[in-house]
N, C-alpha and C. Protein backbone atom coordinates (compact mmCIF):
# COMPACT_ATOMS: atom_id res chain seq x y z
N MET A 1 58.61 110.68 114.57
CA MET A 1 59.81 111.53 114.47
C MET A 1 60.94 110.77 113.79
N SER A 2 61.73 111.47 113.01
CA SER A 2 62.84 110.86 112.29
C SER A 2 63.94 110.44 113.26
N HIS A 3 64.66 109.35 112.90
CA HIS A 3 65.81 108.92 113.71
C HIS A 3 66.88 110.00 113.75
N MET A 4 66.92 110.86 112.72
CA MET A 4 67.92 111.92 112.70
C MET A 4 67.65 112.95 113.79
N THR A 5 66.37 113.18 114.12
CA THR A 5 66.06 114.18 115.13
C THR A 5 65.96 113.58 116.53
N THR A 6 65.83 112.25 116.64
CA THR A 6 65.74 111.63 117.97
C THR A 6 67.07 111.02 118.43
N ARG A 7 68.05 110.97 117.54
CA ARG A 7 69.35 110.39 117.92
C ARG A 7 70.01 111.24 119.00
N ARG A 8 70.56 110.56 120.00
CA ARG A 8 71.33 111.21 121.05
C ARG A 8 72.65 110.45 121.21
N SER A 9 73.66 111.13 121.71
CA SER A 9 74.90 110.43 122.07
C SER A 9 74.72 109.83 123.45
N ILE A 10 74.75 108.49 123.51
CA ILE A 10 74.47 107.77 124.75
C ILE A 10 75.77 107.26 125.36
N ARG A 11 75.91 107.51 126.66
CA ARG A 11 77.15 107.15 127.35
C ARG A 11 76.99 105.98 128.31
N LYS A 12 75.74 105.60 128.62
CA LYS A 12 75.49 104.49 129.55
C LYS A 12 74.51 103.52 128.90
N TYR A 13 74.89 102.24 128.89
CA TYR A 13 74.10 101.22 128.20
C TYR A 13 73.67 100.12 129.17
N ASP A 14 72.65 99.38 128.75
CA ASP A 14 72.14 98.24 129.52
C ASP A 14 73.11 97.07 129.35
N THR A 15 73.79 96.70 130.41
CA THR A 15 74.81 95.65 130.32
C THR A 15 74.22 94.27 130.09
N HIS A 16 72.89 94.13 130.25
CA HIS A 16 72.25 92.82 130.03
C HIS A 16 71.93 92.58 128.55
N VAL A 17 72.06 93.62 127.72
CA VAL A 17 71.72 93.48 126.30
C VAL A 17 72.99 93.33 125.48
N LYS A 18 73.08 92.19 124.78
CA LYS A 18 74.24 91.91 123.93
C LYS A 18 73.76 91.81 122.48
N ILE A 19 74.38 92.58 121.61
CA ILE A 19 74.02 92.52 120.18
C ILE A 19 74.71 91.30 119.58
N SER A 20 73.93 90.46 118.91
CA SER A 20 74.50 89.25 118.32
C SER A 20 75.37 89.62 117.13
N ARG A 21 76.29 88.73 116.79
CA ARG A 21 77.14 88.97 115.62
C ARG A 21 76.30 89.01 114.35
N GLU A 22 75.24 88.20 114.32
CA GLU A 22 74.37 88.19 113.15
C GLU A 22 73.73 89.56 112.93
N GLU A 23 73.19 90.14 114.02
CA GLU A 23 72.55 91.45 113.87
C GLU A 23 73.58 92.53 113.60
N MET A 24 74.76 92.43 114.21
CA MET A 24 75.81 93.41 113.95
C MET A 24 76.20 93.37 112.48
N ASN A 25 76.31 92.16 111.92
CA ASN A 25 76.64 92.03 110.50
C ASN A 25 75.58 92.68 109.62
N ILE A 26 74.31 92.50 109.99
CA ILE A 26 73.22 93.11 109.21
C ILE A 26 73.34 94.63 109.26
N MET A 27 73.59 95.17 110.46
CA MET A 27 73.72 96.63 110.59
C MET A 27 74.91 97.15 109.78
N LEU A 28 76.02 96.42 109.80
CA LEU A 28 77.19 96.84 109.02
C LEU A 28 76.90 96.77 107.52
N GLU A 29 76.19 95.73 107.09
CA GLU A 29 75.82 95.62 105.68
C GLU A 29 74.96 96.81 105.25
N GLU A 30 74.01 97.18 106.12
CA GLU A 30 73.14 98.31 105.80
C GLU A 30 73.93 99.62 105.80
N ALA A 31 74.81 99.78 106.78
CA ALA A 31 75.59 101.02 106.87
C ALA A 31 76.54 101.19 105.70
N THR A 32 77.10 100.08 105.23
CA THR A 32 78.10 100.17 104.17
C THR A 32 77.48 100.33 102.78
N ARG A 33 76.20 100.63 102.74
CA ARG A 33 75.58 101.11 101.49
C ARG A 33 75.95 102.58 101.29
N ALA A 34 76.64 103.17 102.23
CA ALA A 34 77.08 104.57 102.12
C ALA A 34 77.98 104.74 100.90
N PRO A 35 77.99 105.93 100.32
CA PRO A 35 78.87 106.16 99.16
C PRO A 35 80.32 106.34 99.59
N SER A 36 81.23 106.11 98.66
CA SER A 36 82.66 106.37 98.89
C SER A 36 83.31 106.72 97.57
N SER A 37 84.40 107.44 97.64
CA SER A 37 85.09 107.89 96.44
C SER A 37 85.51 106.69 95.58
N MET A 38 85.08 106.69 94.33
CA MET A 38 85.36 105.62 93.37
C MET A 38 84.86 104.26 93.87
N ASN A 39 83.96 104.28 94.85
CA ASN A 39 83.40 103.07 95.45
C ASN A 39 84.48 102.16 96.05
N MET A 40 85.55 102.76 96.58
CA MET A 40 86.64 101.96 97.13
C MET A 40 86.38 101.46 98.55
N GLN A 41 85.34 101.99 99.22
CA GLN A 41 84.89 101.47 100.52
C GLN A 41 86.08 101.27 101.48
N PRO A 42 86.78 102.35 101.83
CA PRO A 42 88.03 102.21 102.59
C PRO A 42 87.83 101.94 104.07
N TRP A 43 86.58 101.90 104.52
CA TRP A 43 86.32 101.69 105.95
C TRP A 43 86.63 100.25 106.36
N ARG A 44 87.20 100.10 107.56
CA ARG A 44 87.46 98.80 108.15
C ARG A 44 87.00 98.86 109.60
N PHE A 45 86.35 97.80 110.06
CA PHE A 45 85.76 97.78 111.40
C PHE A 45 86.44 96.72 112.27
N ILE A 46 86.75 97.10 113.49
CA ILE A 46 87.12 96.11 114.51
C ILE A 46 86.09 96.23 115.61
N ILE A 47 85.35 95.13 115.81
CA ILE A 47 84.27 95.12 116.80
C ILE A 47 84.85 94.58 118.11
N VAL A 48 84.99 95.46 119.07
CA VAL A 48 85.57 95.07 120.36
C VAL A 48 84.41 94.81 121.32
N GLU A 49 84.15 93.51 121.58
CA GLU A 49 82.97 93.16 122.38
C GLU A 49 83.29 92.29 123.59
N SER A 50 84.44 91.62 123.58
CA SER A 50 84.78 90.74 124.70
C SER A 50 85.46 91.54 125.81
N LYS A 51 85.49 90.95 127.01
CA LYS A 51 86.19 91.60 128.12
C LYS A 51 87.68 91.77 127.78
N GLU A 52 88.25 90.74 127.16
CA GLU A 52 89.67 90.79 126.80
C GLU A 52 89.93 91.91 125.79
N GLY A 53 89.04 92.03 124.81
CA GLY A 53 89.17 93.07 123.80
C GLY A 53 89.05 94.45 124.41
N LYS A 54 88.08 94.62 125.31
CA LYS A 54 87.87 95.92 125.95
C LYS A 54 89.06 96.29 126.85
N ASP A 55 89.67 95.28 127.47
CA ASP A 55 90.84 95.55 128.30
C ASP A 55 92.02 96.02 127.46
N LYS A 56 92.12 95.53 126.21
CA LYS A 56 93.16 96.01 125.30
C LYS A 56 92.93 97.47 124.93
N LEU A 57 91.66 97.83 124.78
CA LEU A 57 91.30 99.18 124.36
C LEU A 57 91.45 100.20 125.49
N ARG A 58 91.25 99.75 126.72
CA ARG A 58 91.20 100.65 127.89
C ARG A 58 92.40 101.61 127.97
N PRO A 59 93.64 101.13 127.82
CA PRO A 59 94.79 102.05 128.00
C PRO A 59 94.91 103.14 126.94
N VAL A 60 94.24 102.97 125.80
CA VAL A 60 94.38 104.00 124.76
C VAL A 60 93.23 105.01 124.78
N LEU A 61 92.27 104.82 125.68
CA LEU A 61 91.17 105.79 125.81
C LEU A 61 91.57 106.88 126.80
N TYR A 62 91.16 108.11 126.50
CA TYR A 62 91.41 109.22 127.43
C TYR A 62 90.31 109.32 128.49
N GLY A 63 89.18 108.74 128.20
CA GLY A 63 88.03 108.76 129.11
C GLY A 63 87.03 107.75 128.57
N ASN A 64 85.74 108.09 128.65
CA ASN A 64 84.69 107.25 128.06
C ASN A 64 84.69 105.83 128.62
N MET A 65 85.10 105.68 129.89
CA MET A 65 85.15 104.35 130.49
C MET A 65 83.75 103.77 130.70
N GLN A 66 82.77 104.65 130.92
CA GLN A 66 81.40 104.15 131.10
C GLN A 66 80.90 103.52 129.80
N GLN A 67 81.19 104.17 128.67
CA GLN A 67 80.81 103.58 127.39
C GLN A 67 81.52 102.23 127.19
N LEU A 68 82.81 102.20 127.51
CA LEU A 68 83.59 100.97 127.34
C LEU A 68 83.00 99.85 128.19
N ASP A 69 82.68 100.14 129.45
CA ASP A 69 82.26 99.10 130.38
C ASP A 69 80.82 98.66 130.20
N THR A 70 79.95 99.53 129.68
CA THR A 70 78.53 99.17 129.60
C THR A 70 78.06 98.85 128.19
N SER A 71 78.77 99.27 127.17
CA SER A 71 78.31 99.06 125.80
C SER A 71 78.33 97.58 125.42
N SER A 72 77.49 97.23 124.46
CA SER A 72 77.55 95.89 123.89
C SER A 72 78.85 95.71 123.13
N ALA A 73 79.30 96.78 122.47
CA ALA A 73 80.56 96.73 121.72
C ALA A 73 81.07 98.14 121.49
N MET A 74 82.36 98.20 121.25
CA MET A 74 83.01 99.44 120.79
C MET A 74 83.45 99.15 119.35
N ILE A 75 82.89 99.90 118.40
CA ILE A 75 83.21 99.67 117.00
C ILE A 75 84.32 100.64 116.62
N CYS A 76 85.51 100.09 116.40
CA CYS A 76 86.66 100.91 116.02
C CYS A 76 86.71 101.00 114.51
N ILE A 77 86.62 102.21 113.99
CA ILE A 77 86.58 102.42 112.54
C ILE A 77 87.93 102.96 112.08
N PHE A 78 88.49 102.29 111.09
CA PHE A 78 89.77 102.69 110.50
C PHE A 78 89.56 102.92 109.01
N THR A 79 90.48 103.67 108.40
CA THR A 79 90.51 103.77 106.95
C THR A 79 91.78 103.07 106.47
N ASP A 80 91.64 102.34 105.37
CA ASP A 80 92.70 101.50 104.83
C ASP A 80 93.46 102.26 103.74
N LEU A 81 94.73 102.55 103.99
CA LEU A 81 95.52 103.28 103.00
C LEU A 81 95.78 102.45 101.74
N LYS A 82 95.58 101.14 101.83
CA LYS A 82 95.74 100.27 100.65
C LYS A 82 94.38 99.92 100.05
N LYS A 83 93.45 100.84 100.13
CA LYS A 83 92.10 100.58 99.62
C LYS A 83 92.10 100.21 98.15
N PHE A 84 93.04 100.74 97.37
CA PHE A 84 93.04 100.47 95.94
C PHE A 84 93.41 99.02 95.62
N ASP A 85 93.97 98.30 96.60
CA ASP A 85 94.24 96.87 96.40
C ASP A 85 92.95 96.08 96.18
N TYR A 86 91.83 96.67 96.59
CA TYR A 86 90.53 96.00 96.46
C TYR A 86 89.79 96.38 95.18
N ALA A 87 90.38 97.25 94.38
CA ALA A 87 89.68 97.76 93.19
C ALA A 87 89.24 96.63 92.26
N GLU A 88 90.17 95.71 91.97
CA GLU A 88 89.84 94.64 91.04
C GLU A 88 88.71 93.76 91.57
N LYS A 89 88.79 93.44 92.86
CA LYS A 89 87.74 92.63 93.49
C LYS A 89 86.38 93.33 93.41
N ILE A 90 86.35 94.62 93.72
CA ILE A 90 85.10 95.39 93.70
C ILE A 90 84.52 95.44 92.29
N PHE A 91 85.37 95.78 91.32
CA PHE A 91 84.86 95.93 89.95
C PHE A 91 84.52 94.58 89.32
N ASN A 92 85.26 93.52 89.67
CA ASN A 92 84.91 92.19 89.16
C ASN A 92 83.54 91.75 89.65
N LYS A 93 83.26 92.01 90.94
CA LYS A 93 81.94 91.67 91.49
C LYS A 93 80.84 92.48 90.81
N ALA A 94 81.15 93.75 90.52
CA ALA A 94 80.17 94.61 89.84
C ALA A 94 79.87 94.07 88.44
N VAL A 95 80.89 93.58 87.74
CA VAL A 95 80.68 93.00 86.40
C VAL A 95 79.86 91.72 86.52
N GLU A 96 80.22 90.85 87.47
CA GLU A 96 79.51 89.58 87.67
C GLU A 96 78.03 89.80 87.94
N GLN A 97 77.71 90.86 88.69
CA GLN A 97 76.31 91.14 89.06
C GLN A 97 75.60 92.00 88.02
N GLY A 98 76.26 92.27 86.92
CA GLY A 98 75.63 93.05 85.85
C GLY A 98 75.50 94.52 86.15
N LEU A 99 76.29 95.02 87.08
CA LEU A 99 76.21 96.43 87.46
C LEU A 99 77.21 97.30 86.72
N MET A 100 78.17 96.66 86.03
CA MET A 100 79.21 97.41 85.34
C MET A 100 79.65 96.62 84.09
N PRO A 101 79.69 97.27 82.93
CA PRO A 101 80.21 96.58 81.73
C PRO A 101 81.71 96.32 81.87
N GLU A 102 82.20 95.27 81.19
CA GLU A 102 83.61 94.91 81.30
C GLU A 102 84.54 96.02 80.83
N ASP A 103 84.14 96.75 79.78
CA ASP A 103 85.02 97.81 79.28
C ASP A 103 85.15 98.95 80.28
N VAL A 104 84.08 99.20 81.04
CA VAL A 104 84.14 100.24 82.08
C VAL A 104 85.07 99.79 83.20
N ARG A 105 84.99 98.49 83.57
CA ARG A 105 85.91 97.96 84.59
C ARG A 105 87.36 98.19 84.15
N GLU A 106 87.68 97.83 82.92
CA GLU A 106 89.05 97.97 82.43
C GLU A 106 89.50 99.44 82.45
N LYS A 107 88.59 100.32 82.04
CA LYS A 107 88.92 101.75 82.04
C LYS A 107 89.17 102.26 83.46
N GLN A 108 88.30 101.85 84.40
CA GLN A 108 88.44 102.28 85.79
C GLN A 108 89.75 101.77 86.40
N LEU A 109 90.08 100.50 86.14
CA LEU A 109 91.32 99.94 86.68
C LEU A 109 92.54 100.66 86.11
N ARG A 110 92.49 101.00 84.82
CA ARG A 110 93.59 101.75 84.21
C ARG A 110 93.73 103.12 84.84
N ASN A 111 92.58 103.79 85.03
CA ASN A 111 92.58 105.13 85.65
C ASN A 111 93.20 105.09 87.04
N ILE A 112 92.83 104.08 87.81
CA ILE A 112 93.36 103.95 89.18
C ILE A 112 94.85 103.69 89.14
N ALA A 113 95.27 102.77 88.28
CA ALA A 113 96.71 102.44 88.18
C ALA A 113 97.52 103.68 87.80
N ASN A 114 96.98 104.52 86.92
CA ASN A 114 97.68 105.74 86.50
C ASN A 114 97.69 106.80 87.60
N MET A 115 96.64 106.78 88.45
CA MET A 115 96.46 107.81 89.46
C MET A 115 97.30 107.55 90.72
N ILE A 116 97.44 106.28 91.09
CA ILE A 116 98.07 105.92 92.37
C ILE A 116 99.45 106.56 92.57
N PRO A 117 100.34 106.55 91.56
CA PRO A 117 101.68 107.13 91.80
C PRO A 117 101.66 108.61 92.16
N SER A 118 100.61 109.31 91.79
CA SER A 118 100.55 110.75 92.06
C SER A 118 99.90 111.08 93.40
N LEU A 119 99.39 110.06 94.08
CA LEU A 119 98.67 110.30 95.35
C LEU A 119 99.62 110.20 96.53
N SER A 120 99.55 111.17 97.42
CA SER A 120 100.33 111.09 98.66
C SER A 120 99.55 110.26 99.68
N GLU A 121 100.28 109.72 100.64
CA GLU A 121 99.62 108.96 101.72
C GLU A 121 98.63 109.86 102.46
N ASP A 122 99.01 111.12 102.62
CA ASP A 122 98.15 112.08 103.32
C ASP A 122 96.83 112.29 102.59
N SER A 123 96.88 112.39 101.26
CA SER A 123 95.64 112.62 100.50
C SER A 123 94.76 111.37 100.52
N ILE A 124 95.39 110.18 100.50
CA ILE A 124 94.61 108.93 100.58
C ILE A 124 93.93 108.85 101.94
N GLU A 125 94.67 109.22 103.00
CA GLU A 125 94.09 109.18 104.35
C GLU A 125 92.94 110.19 104.47
N LYS A 126 93.13 111.39 103.96
CA LYS A 126 92.07 112.41 104.07
C LYS A 126 90.80 111.97 103.36
N GLY A 127 90.96 111.41 102.17
CA GLY A 127 89.79 110.91 101.44
C GLY A 127 89.10 109.80 102.21
N GLY A 128 89.91 108.94 102.82
CA GLY A 128 89.35 107.83 103.59
C GLY A 128 88.62 108.30 104.84
N LEU A 129 89.12 109.37 105.46
CA LEU A 129 88.44 109.92 106.64
C LEU A 129 87.06 110.45 106.27
N ILE A 130 86.96 111.10 105.11
CA ILE A 130 85.65 111.61 104.66
C ILE A 130 84.70 110.46 104.40
N ASP A 131 85.17 109.46 103.63
CA ASP A 131 84.31 108.31 103.32
C ASP A 131 83.88 107.58 104.59
N SER A 132 84.81 107.42 105.53
CA SER A 132 84.51 106.68 106.76
C SER A 132 83.56 107.47 107.67
N GLY A 133 83.61 108.81 107.56
CA GLY A 133 82.63 109.63 108.29
C GLY A 133 81.22 109.38 107.77
N LEU A 134 81.10 109.19 106.45
CA LEU A 134 79.79 108.91 105.86
C LEU A 134 79.25 107.57 106.37
N VAL A 135 80.10 106.55 106.38
CA VAL A 135 79.63 105.23 106.82
C VAL A 135 79.31 105.25 108.31
N ALA A 136 80.08 106.00 109.10
CA ALA A 136 79.84 106.06 110.54
C ALA A 136 78.49 106.71 110.85
N MET A 137 78.18 107.81 110.16
CA MET A 137 76.89 108.46 110.39
C MET A 137 75.75 107.53 110.00
N GLN A 138 75.94 106.84 108.87
CA GLN A 138 74.90 105.90 108.44
C GLN A 138 74.74 104.77 109.47
N LEU A 139 75.86 104.31 110.03
CA LEU A 139 75.79 103.25 111.03
C LEU A 139 75.06 103.71 112.29
N MET A 140 75.26 104.96 112.69
CA MET A 140 74.54 105.48 113.85
C MET A 140 73.03 105.49 113.62
N LEU A 141 72.61 105.86 112.40
CA LEU A 141 71.19 105.90 112.09
C LEU A 141 70.62 104.49 111.93
N VAL A 142 71.40 103.59 111.34
CA VAL A 142 70.98 102.19 111.21
C VAL A 142 70.80 101.57 112.60
N ALA A 143 71.75 101.84 113.50
CA ALA A 143 71.65 101.31 114.87
C ALA A 143 70.35 101.78 115.52
N LYS A 144 70.01 103.04 115.33
CA LYS A 144 68.77 103.59 115.90
C LYS A 144 67.55 102.84 115.35
N GLU A 145 67.58 102.54 114.05
CA GLU A 145 66.48 101.78 113.45
C GLU A 145 66.34 100.40 114.08
N HIS A 146 67.46 99.83 114.50
CA HIS A 146 67.44 98.49 115.11
C HIS A 146 67.15 98.56 116.61
N GLY A 147 66.94 99.76 117.14
CA GLY A 147 66.61 99.89 118.55
C GLY A 147 67.80 100.09 119.47
N TYR A 148 68.95 100.44 118.89
CA TYR A 148 70.16 100.66 119.69
C TYR A 148 70.59 102.12 119.62
N ASP A 149 71.49 102.48 120.51
CA ASP A 149 72.03 103.83 120.51
C ASP A 149 73.55 103.77 120.43
N THR A 150 74.14 104.92 120.13
CA THR A 150 75.58 105.00 119.88
C THR A 150 76.14 106.29 120.45
N CYS A 151 77.47 106.35 120.48
CA CYS A 151 78.15 107.61 120.79
C CYS A 151 79.48 107.61 120.03
N PRO A 152 79.71 108.63 119.20
CA PRO A 152 81.01 108.71 118.52
C PRO A 152 82.08 109.24 119.47
N ILE A 153 83.22 108.59 119.47
CA ILE A 153 84.30 108.90 120.41
C ILE A 153 85.58 109.19 119.63
N GLY A 154 86.12 110.38 119.84
CA GLY A 154 87.40 110.74 119.20
C GLY A 154 88.53 110.85 120.20
N GLY A 155 88.21 110.74 121.49
CA GLY A 155 89.22 110.91 122.55
C GLY A 155 89.96 109.63 122.86
N PHE A 156 90.94 109.31 122.03
CA PHE A 156 91.78 108.15 122.26
C PHE A 156 93.15 108.41 121.63
N LYS A 157 94.11 107.56 121.95
CA LYS A 157 95.47 107.74 121.45
C LYS A 157 95.55 107.21 120.01
N HIS A 158 95.37 108.13 119.08
CA HIS A 158 95.29 107.75 117.66
C HIS A 158 96.56 107.05 117.18
N ASP A 159 97.68 107.38 117.79
CA ASP A 159 98.95 106.79 117.34
C ASP A 159 99.20 105.41 117.92
N GLN A 160 98.33 104.96 118.83
CA GLN A 160 98.55 103.67 119.49
C GLN A 160 97.44 102.64 119.26
N ILE A 161 96.27 103.09 118.83
CA ILE A 161 95.12 102.19 118.82
C ILE A 161 95.27 101.02 117.85
N ALA A 162 95.84 101.25 116.66
CA ALA A 162 95.99 100.15 115.70
C ALA A 162 96.87 99.06 116.30
N GLN A 163 97.97 99.48 116.90
CA GLN A 163 98.92 98.51 117.44
C GLN A 163 98.31 97.68 118.56
N VAL A 164 97.56 98.32 119.48
CA VAL A 164 96.99 97.53 120.59
C VAL A 164 95.91 96.56 120.09
N LEU A 165 95.31 96.88 118.94
CA LEU A 165 94.30 95.98 118.37
C LEU A 165 94.90 94.97 117.40
N GLY A 166 96.21 95.03 117.23
CA GLY A 166 96.90 94.01 116.45
C GLY A 166 96.84 94.19 114.95
N ILE A 167 96.68 95.43 114.48
CA ILE A 167 96.69 95.66 113.04
C ILE A 167 97.82 96.63 112.69
N ASP A 168 98.17 96.68 111.42
CA ASP A 168 99.31 97.46 110.94
C ASP A 168 99.04 98.96 111.03
N PRO A 169 99.75 99.68 111.92
CA PRO A 169 99.48 101.12 112.09
C PRO A 169 99.92 101.95 110.89
N GLN A 170 100.79 101.41 110.05
CA GLN A 170 101.19 102.14 108.84
C GLN A 170 100.10 102.09 107.78
N ARG A 171 99.34 101.00 107.79
CA ARG A 171 98.30 100.81 106.77
C ARG A 171 96.93 101.32 107.21
N TYR A 172 96.57 101.08 108.46
CA TYR A 172 95.23 101.40 108.94
C TYR A 172 95.27 102.63 109.84
N LYS A 173 94.54 103.66 109.46
CA LYS A 173 94.52 104.91 110.21
C LYS A 173 93.16 105.08 110.90
N PRO A 174 93.17 105.41 112.20
CA PRO A 174 91.92 105.49 112.95
C PRO A 174 91.05 106.67 112.54
N VAL A 175 89.75 106.44 112.54
CA VAL A 175 88.77 107.50 112.25
C VAL A 175 88.16 107.90 113.59
N PHE A 176 87.34 107.05 114.16
CA PHE A 176 86.91 107.18 115.55
C PHE A 176 86.26 105.89 116.00
N ILE A 177 85.81 105.89 117.25
CA ILE A 177 85.18 104.72 117.85
C ILE A 177 83.70 105.03 118.04
N LEU A 178 82.85 104.06 117.78
CA LEU A 178 81.42 104.17 118.10
C LEU A 178 81.10 103.18 119.22
N SER A 179 80.64 103.68 120.36
CA SER A 179 80.07 102.76 121.35
C SER A 179 78.64 102.45 120.89
N ILE A 180 78.18 101.22 121.14
CA ILE A 180 76.85 100.83 120.70
C ILE A 180 76.23 99.88 121.72
N GLY A 181 74.94 100.04 121.94
CA GLY A 181 74.22 99.16 122.85
C GLY A 181 72.81 99.66 123.06
N LYS A 182 72.13 99.05 124.03
CA LYS A 182 70.77 99.45 124.40
C LYS A 182 70.88 100.55 125.45
N ALA A 183 70.33 101.70 125.16
CA ALA A 183 70.49 102.86 126.05
C ALA A 183 69.95 102.58 127.45
N ALA A 184 70.71 103.01 128.46
CA ALA A 184 70.25 102.94 129.85
C ALA A 184 70.05 104.36 130.39
N GLU A 185 70.01 105.33 129.49
CA GLU A 185 69.74 106.73 129.83
C GLU A 185 69.12 107.36 128.59
N THR A 186 68.53 108.53 128.77
CA THR A 186 67.86 109.17 127.63
C THR A 186 68.81 110.02 126.80
N GLY A 187 69.93 110.42 127.39
CA GLY A 187 70.84 111.31 126.66
C GLY A 187 70.33 112.74 126.69
N TYR A 188 71.18 113.64 126.26
CA TYR A 188 70.84 115.06 126.34
C TYR A 188 70.60 115.63 124.95
N PRO A 189 69.53 116.41 124.79
CA PRO A 189 69.40 117.14 123.53
C PRO A 189 70.49 118.21 123.46
N SER A 190 70.94 118.52 122.28
CA SER A 190 71.98 119.54 122.15
C SER A 190 71.58 120.56 121.09
N LEU A 191 72.10 121.76 121.28
CA LEU A 191 71.72 122.88 120.43
C LEU A 191 72.42 122.80 119.08
N ARG A 192 71.75 123.25 118.04
CA ARG A 192 72.37 123.38 116.72
C ARG A 192 72.28 124.84 116.28
N LEU A 193 73.30 125.30 115.57
CA LEU A 193 73.27 126.65 115.03
C LEU A 193 72.09 126.81 114.07
N ASP A 194 71.58 128.03 113.95
CA ASP A 194 70.54 128.31 112.96
C ASP A 194 71.10 128.13 111.56
N ILE A 195 70.26 127.71 110.66
CA ILE A 195 70.68 127.53 109.27
C ILE A 195 71.27 128.82 108.71
N ASP A 196 70.74 129.97 109.12
CA ASP A 196 71.26 131.26 108.65
C ASP A 196 72.71 131.49 109.08
N ASP A 197 73.11 130.85 110.20
CA ASP A 197 74.47 131.02 110.70
C ASP A 197 75.48 130.22 109.88
N ILE A 198 75.03 129.20 109.19
CA ILE A 198 75.97 128.27 108.56
C ILE A 198 75.80 128.18 107.03
N THR A 199 74.86 128.94 106.48
CA THR A 199 74.55 128.79 105.06
C THR A 199 74.65 130.12 104.34
N THR A 200 75.25 130.08 103.18
CA THR A 200 75.31 131.25 102.29
C THR A 200 74.64 130.89 100.99
N TRP A 201 73.76 131.75 100.51
CA TRP A 201 73.07 131.53 99.22
C TRP A 201 73.69 132.44 98.17
N LEU A 202 74.00 131.90 97.04
CA LEU A 202 74.55 132.70 95.95
C LEU A 202 73.62 132.66 94.74
C-alpha cells in the first residue's frame, strides 16, 4: 500500500524513540526537493526537540499537549518574507553545478529585482504559505518512508510563536507545526469526499 493511503495523523508517540539529527537532516533534504515558486524555497524549519524548547512552545499551543510531550520533535515551519535575499545564492549554486547557464541567472536576477517593488508583503506571504504546504506534505510522506508518523497542527498562537522561538516575527510567518515520532497508536482512518463532489470536467 502507498504511504499516501496509509498515512494517519498520529497524536501519541513512543517516548523512547528519538530521531537523530542526522536522520532528521536526511528527511529534510528529501522533503525540500519539493517545488517552490521561482525555486526560492521560502520554507524555514525550527526543530523543537529538547525539554527546554518544548517548554517554550507550550504556552503558544491551544491543545495538542500529547503530541508535544510524546513526540520526538515538533517541527515548526515558517515562510521567510525575505526569501528573495537568497536568490543570488540559489542561482549561483545552480550555475556552479551546471544546472543553469550564466545568462539565465543574470536574467532571473534582473526579473526578481524588477518584480520585488511591486510585491506586497501579503502576496509574498501567501505564495510562501503555498510553497511551504508543498514541502510539509512531502515531509509527512518522507517521514512515513523512514518509519515515523506525523500530525499537522494549526492550533497555536500564530502571532506569538516566532517571538517565543526567538526569531523575527516581522520576517518569519508561521505555516504550521508537524509533530513527528514513532507512533504509539494506530490513528484513525478518515473519510474523503468522492471525486465527483470535488471535480468538474470541462
